[in-house]
């Protein structure tokens, strides 16, 4: 008999439990439209400022991209970046680049292999 009483009390509680009343509509706050308009104007101003900055920076970013493209010729010729504990990032080539040979007669090594500068 006890399980039946528990089940009935659960059903009654669920059916006739407390009902949440609707919250009364909050009256509009004086000046709320002005605040919303002000926020819209701030957002528009910030957007225009960022657009202007990006237009000003575009030539510099293009130059940076071209310079980086000249230094890093092909990403396939590099290993994955290595992150060192001190925060440095190493980009190692898979094969070392060919060494440039100096023009003949400009640098002559000494007998021991050292160079006089």
Protein backbone atom coordinates (compact mmCIF):
# COMPACT_ATOMS: atom_id res chain seq x y z
CA UNK A 1 0.00 0.00 0.00
CA UNK A 2 2.86 2.35 0.64
CA UNK A 3 4.17 2.33 -2.98
CA UNK A 4 0.67 3.26 -4.20
CA UNK A 5 0.45 6.16 -1.74
CA UNK A 6 3.86 7.45 -2.82
CA UNK A 7 2.90 7.24 -6.49
CA UNK A 8 -0.39 9.06 -5.88
CA UNK A 9 1.30 11.80 -3.89
CA UNK A 10 3.85 12.25 -6.67
CA UNK A 11 1.10 12.52 -9.30
CA UNK A 12 -0.88 15.01 -7.21
CA UNK A 13 2.25 17.07 -6.56
CA UNK A 14 3.12 17.19 -10.23
CA UNK A 15 -0.41 18.01 -11.36
CA UNK A 16 -1.31 20.55 -8.72
CA UNK A 17 2.11 21.85 -7.80
CA UNK A 18 2.95 25.51 -7.58
CA UNK A 19 2.22 27.40 -10.74
CA UNK A 20 4.62 30.12 -11.80
CA UNK A 21 2.87 33.42 -12.15
CA UNK A 22 3.60 35.67 -15.10
CA UNK A 23 5.86 38.56 -14.36
CA UNK A 24 4.20 41.91 -14.74
CA UNK A 25 5.34 43.88 -17.76
CA UNK A 26 8.02 46.32 -16.76
CA UNK A 27 7.22 49.89 -17.62
CA UNK A 28 9.68 51.49 -20.03
CA UNK A 29 12.49 53.34 -18.33
CA UNK A 30 12.63 57.02 -19.08
CA UNK A 31 15.34 57.71 -21.66
CA UNK A 32 15.76 54.07 -22.72
CA UNK A 33 15.32 54.95 -26.40
CA UNK A 34 18.01 57.62 -26.06
CA UNK A 35 20.39 55.09 -24.52
CA UNK A 36 19.74 52.60 -27.33
CA UNK A 37 20.28 55.32 -29.95
CA UNK A 38 23.52 56.35 -28.25
CA UNK A 39 24.79 52.77 -28.23
CA UNK A 40 23.91 52.42 -31.92
CA UNK A 41 25.85 55.60 -32.70
CA UNK A 42 28.85 54.35 -30.72
CA UNK A 43 28.78 51.06 -32.61
CA UNK A 44 28.57 52.83 -35.95
CA UNK A 45 31.46 55.12 -35.02
CA UNK A 46 33.62 52.20 -33.91
CA UNK A 47 32.86 50.35 -37.14
CA UNK A 48 33.83 53.38 -39.26
CA UNK A 49 37.03 53.84 -37.26
CA UNK A 50 38.09 50.21 -37.79
CA UNK A 51 37.25 50.37 -41.50
CA UNK A 52 39.41 53.50 -41.81
CA UNK A 53 42.29 51.86 -39.96
CA UNK A 54 42.14 48.77 -42.18
CA UNK A 55 42.17 50.96 -45.31
CA UNK A 56 45.22 52.82 -43.97
CA UNK A 57 47.03 49.58 -43.08
CA UNK A 58 46.25 47.73 -46.32
CA UNK A 59 49.38 48.87 -48.26
CA UNK A 60 51.64 48.05 -45.33
CA UNK A 61 50.07 44.61 -44.93
CA UNK A 62 50.50 43.92 -48.65
CA UNK A 63 54.18 44.90 -48.43
CA UNK A 64 54.59 42.67 -45.40
CA UNK A 65 52.98 39.75 -47.24
CA UNK A 66 55.26 40.26 -50.24
CA UNK A 67 58.36 40.44 -48.02
CA UNK A 68 57.34 37.37 -46.10
CA UNK A 69 56.70 35.56 -49.37
CA UNK A 70 60.23 36.40 -50.49
CA UNK A 71 61.77 35.07 -47.27
CA UNK A 72 59.59 31.97 -46.92
CA UNK A 73 59.47 30.69 -50.47
CA UNK A 74 57.46 27.50 -50.03
CA UNK A 75 55.92 26.17 -46.84
CA UNK A 76 56.48 22.59 -47.97
CA UNK A 77 60.22 23.09 -47.62
CA UNK A 78 59.90 23.64 -43.84
CA UNK A 79 59.31 21.33 -40.89
CA UNK A 80 56.46 21.97 -38.47
CA UNK A 81 57.18 24.86 -36.07
CA UNK A 82 58.94 24.01 -32.81
CA UNK A 83 57.89 25.91 -29.70
CA UNK A 84 60.69 26.34 -27.19
CA UNK A 85 60.09 26.76 -23.42
CA UNK A 86 61.32 30.36 -23.55
CA UNK A 87 58.64 31.25 -26.10
CA UNK A 88 60.78 31.19 -29.22
CA UNK A 89 59.41 29.51 -32.33
CA UNK A 90 61.80 27.72 -34.67
CA UNK A 91 61.05 27.17 -38.34
CA UNK A 92 63.58 24.64 -39.66
CA UNK A 93 64.12 23.99 -43.37
CA UNK A 94 63.89 20.39 -44.51
CA UNK A 95 66.98 20.87 -46.67
CA UNK A 96 69.43 23.71 -46.11
CA UNK A 97 69.39 26.44 -48.76
CA UNK A 98 72.29 26.52 -51.18
CA UNK A 99 75.14 28.73 -50.00
CA UNK A 100 75.88 31.79 -52.01
CA UNK A 101 79.43 31.86 -53.26
CA UNK A 102 81.17 35.22 -53.13
CA UNK A 103 82.47 36.69 -56.38
CA UNK A 104 85.99 35.58 -57.23
CA UNK A 105 88.80 37.66 -55.85
CA UNK A 106 86.81 39.54 -53.22
CA UNK A 107 87.48 37.25 -50.27
CA UNK A 108 90.53 35.06 -49.97
CA UNK A 109 90.72 32.64 -47.06
CA UNK A 110 93.92 32.34 -45.08
CA UNK A 111 95.88 29.09 -44.99
CA UNK A 112 94.14 28.05 -41.75
CA UNK A 113 90.68 28.66 -43.22
CA UNK A 114 90.06 31.91 -41.35
CA UNK A 115 88.97 35.10 -43.11
CA UNK A 116 90.39 38.60 -42.73
CA UNK A 117 87.65 41.18 -42.71
